[in-house]
Each structure stands twice: as C-alpha cells, then as structure tokens.
Amino acid sequence: MTDNFKMTVTSEPAAEQCMRDLRQMVESYGYVTVEVKAGKRSKSQNDLYWEWLSHLAEYINSKKNTEVTKDDMHDYMRHQYLGYEQPRQIGSVTVRERLKTTTGITTGEMYHYMSQIDAYAASIGLMLPRPDDCQYERNRRKQDG
C-alpha cells in the first residue's frame, strides 16, 4: 500500500475495505489524515448523463436536420429542469443570473434531474440506454421499491 491514496466508497464492502486500509496505515505510519466528501453525483451518473446528452443531440439532429451538440443539450436540459442561480451583488457589480450547474448536486438530485431528462426523451420518442449496473438504474429500482 502507498502512503498516499484516494478512494471512492460506493458500497458497504468498499467502506469496509477502506476501514481496513486506514487501520493498516495507522499501524504503519502512526496516524492518517482523512478527507471526506459526501453526496456529489457519482461517476457512473456523470458518464451516463453525458451519454444521454449525446443520444439526445444525435436524435434531434436526425429528426430536425440541425447541428445540436451534447453541450447544447446540457445547457438546454439545465435551462428546462435546473433553472438559474439568482443574481448577486459583489461590491458595486451585479453578477447576472446564470444556469445552475450540475457539478455539486447530490446523487439524489442528479437522479431526479436525470429522471426528468429520461421522461423528456421518451416524450419525443427516444428511449435512452440504462445499463443495469449504473447509479441511475440502481436509484430507479430503489425508488420503485
């Protein structure tokens, strides 16, 4: 084991392995410094999200003979479903409203956002891919009971 490592914990077994690794490091080095960041969307969600945006862009381009990009779809979906940050004052300057970002949203918020995108895609006739092992599909199954 190295003296510096980073671990993303997404399951109980991964948490248990992380604890074993931490105990071993304490034994080896005397102490460890731990930084915990919780709640942000998962890499799985992020990967699927951008895949969906690519599918949406391709589908819309094929139906409407346009040149929409996945980045255009990202902005459109944020406009439709996340909204805008409020303008704020910094000294004498007013920073205008801008689209909310997906960067800091939790896995639950990302699931809700992606559910809206999934419903939008279905409403225009596009069935988006949902791999069984992705975070979105796990959350959907948990919601459905």
Protein backbone atom coordinates (compact mmCIF):
# COMPACT_ATOMS: atom_id res chain seq x y z
CA MET A 1 0.00 0.00 0.00
CA THR A 2 1.25 3.50 -0.78
CA ASP A 3 1.36 6.29 1.77
CA ASN A 4 -0.99 8.42 -0.36
CA PHE A 5 -4.17 7.10 -1.92
CA LYS A 6 -7.65 8.22 -2.81
CA MET A 7 -10.70 6.01 -2.59
CA THR A 8 -14.30 6.46 -3.65
CA VAL A 9 -16.67 4.49 -1.44
CA THR A 10 -19.93 3.50 -3.12
CA SER A 11 -20.91 0.38 -1.20
CA GLU A 12 -20.70 -1.27 2.21
CA PRO A 13 -17.92 -3.66 1.10
CA ALA A 14 -15.90 -0.71 -0.24
CA ALA A 15 -16.38 1.12 3.08
CA GLU A 16 -15.16 -1.94 4.96
CA GLN A 17 -12.09 -2.19 2.70
CA CYS A 18 -11.40 1.49 3.23
CA MET A 19 -11.50 0.99 7.01
CA ARG A 20 -9.09 -1.96 6.75
CA ASP A 21 -6.72 0.16 4.65
CA LEU A 22 -6.94 3.04 7.15
CA ARG A 23 -6.21 0.72 10.09
CA GLN A 24 -3.18 -0.69 8.26
CA MET A 25 -1.91 2.82 7.54
CA VAL A 26 -2.31 3.83 11.20
CA GLU A 27 -0.31 0.74 12.20
CA SER A 28 2.37 1.51 9.62
CA TYR A 29 2.65 5.30 9.98
CA GLY A 30 1.17 6.13 13.38
CA TYR A 31 -1.59 8.36 12.03
CA VAL A 32 -3.51 9.19 8.84
CA THR A 33 -5.24 12.31 7.61
CA VAL A 34 -8.67 11.63 6.14
CA GLU A 35 -10.73 13.95 3.92
CA VAL A 36 -14.36 13.01 3.43
CA LYS A 37 -16.55 14.44 0.68
CA ALA A 38 -20.08 13.13 0.51
CA GLY A 39 -23.12 13.46 -1.66
CA LYS A 40 -21.92 14.52 -5.07
CA ARG A 41 -23.17 12.76 -8.13
CA SER A 42 -21.38 9.55 -8.93
CA LYS A 43 -19.00 8.98 -11.82
CA SER A 44 -21.49 6.40 -13.13
CA GLN A 45 -24.26 9.02 -13.15
CA ASN A 46 -22.00 11.55 -14.82
CA ASP A 47 -20.90 9.13 -17.54
CA LEU A 48 -24.48 8.08 -18.27
CA TYR A 49 -25.66 11.71 -18.23
CA TRP A 50 -23.19 12.71 -20.96
CA GLU A 51 -24.03 9.57 -22.95
CA TRP A 52 -27.71 10.54 -22.78
CA LEU A 53 -26.94 14.07 -23.94
CA SER A 54 -25.07 12.65 -26.93
CA HIS A 55 -28.01 10.37 -27.79
CA LEU A 56 -30.44 13.29 -27.47
CA ALA A 57 -28.32 15.52 -29.70
CA GLU A 58 -28.00 12.79 -32.36
CA TYR A 59 -31.72 12.04 -32.22
CA ILE A 60 -32.78 15.68 -32.51
CA ASN A 61 -30.29 16.28 -35.32
CA SER A 62 -31.63 13.30 -37.26
CA LYS A 63 -35.25 14.42 -36.83
CA LYS A 64 -34.82 18.16 -37.39
CA ASN A 65 -31.72 18.33 -39.59
CA THR A 66 -29.91 20.51 -37.04
CA GLU A 67 -26.41 20.52 -35.57
CA VAL A 68 -27.14 20.40 -31.85
CA THR A 69 -24.20 19.24 -29.70
CA LYS A 70 -24.20 17.39 -26.40
CA ASP A 71 -23.05 20.67 -24.79
CA ASP A 72 -26.08 22.42 -26.30
CA MET A 73 -28.27 19.68 -24.81
CA HIS A 74 -26.53 20.13 -21.44
CA ASP A 75 -27.44 23.83 -21.46
CA TYR A 76 -30.99 23.14 -22.65
CA MET A 77 -31.63 20.48 -20.00
CA ARG A 78 -30.24 22.71 -17.25
CA HIS A 79 -32.47 25.53 -18.53
CA GLN A 80 -35.51 23.25 -18.52
CA TYR A 81 -35.01 21.35 -15.29
CA LEU A 82 -32.43 23.01 -13.02
CA GLY A 83 -33.13 26.68 -13.64
CA TYR A 84 -30.97 29.66 -12.82
CA GLU A 85 -28.93 30.99 -9.94
CA GLN A 86 -30.14 34.30 -8.56
CA PRO A 87 -28.22 37.47 -9.45
CA ARG A 88 -25.86 38.54 -6.68
CA GLN A 89 -24.02 41.67 -5.71
CA ILE A 90 -20.22 41.66 -5.43
CA GLY A 91 -19.23 45.13 -4.28
CA SER A 92 -20.67 47.52 -6.82
CA VAL A 93 -21.00 44.86 -9.52
CA THR A 94 -24.16 42.80 -10.06
CA VAL A 95 -23.44 39.32 -11.36
CA ARG A 96 -26.37 38.36 -13.56
CA GLU A 97 -28.23 35.12 -13.22
CA ARG A 98 -26.70 32.08 -14.88
CA LEU A 99 -27.68 28.46 -15.41
CA LYS A 100 -27.35 26.27 -12.35
CA THR A 101 -24.51 23.79 -12.59
CA THR A 102 -24.68 20.03 -12.16
CA THR A 103 -21.23 19.94 -10.55
CA GLY A 104 -22.22 20.00 -6.90
CA ILE A 105 -25.57 18.25 -6.91
CA THR A 106 -26.05 15.10 -4.84
CA THR A 107 -26.66 11.64 -6.25
CA GLY A 108 -30.34 12.00 -5.31
CA GLU A 109 -30.67 15.38 -7.03
CA MET A 110 -28.85 14.00 -10.06
CA TYR A 111 -31.25 11.05 -10.13
CA HIS A 112 -34.25 13.41 -10.08
CA TYR A 113 -32.71 15.59 -12.81
CA MET A 114 -31.94 12.55 -14.97
CA SER A 115 -35.48 11.22 -14.44
CA GLN A 116 -36.80 14.44 -15.95
CA ILE A 117 -34.42 14.08 -18.90
CA ASP A 118 -35.46 10.44 -19.33
CA ALA A 119 -39.14 11.47 -19.39
CA TYR A 120 -38.39 14.26 -21.88
CA ALA A 121 -36.56 11.83 -24.18
CA ALA A 122 -39.46 9.36 -24.01
CA SER A 123 -41.91 12.17 -24.83
CA ILE A 124 -40.08 12.87 -28.10
CA GLY A 125 -39.83 9.16 -28.97
CA LEU A 126 -36.31 8.36 -27.78
CA MET A 127 -35.65 5.54 -25.33
CA LEU A 128 -32.35 6.24 -23.59
CA PRO A 129 -29.95 3.44 -22.62
CA ARG A 130 -29.96 2.40 -18.96
CA PRO A 131 -27.26 -0.15 -18.10
CA ASP A 132 -28.27 -2.38 -15.18
CA ASP A 133 -25.15 -1.54 -13.20
CA CYS A 134 -25.34 2.25 -13.43
CA GLN A 135 -26.14 4.53 -10.47
CA TYR A 136 -29.27 5.85 -12.20
CA GLU A 137 -30.75 2.39 -12.64
CA ARG A 138 -29.91 1.39 -9.05
CA ASN A 139 -31.64 4.54 -7.78
CA ARG A 140 -34.64 3.91 -10.04
CA ARG A 141 -35.04 0.38 -8.70
CA LYS A 142 -34.73 1.67 -5.12
CA GLN A 143 -37.44 4.30 -5.80
CA ASP A 144 -39.74 1.72 -7.38
CA GLY A 145 -39.40 -0.48 -4.31
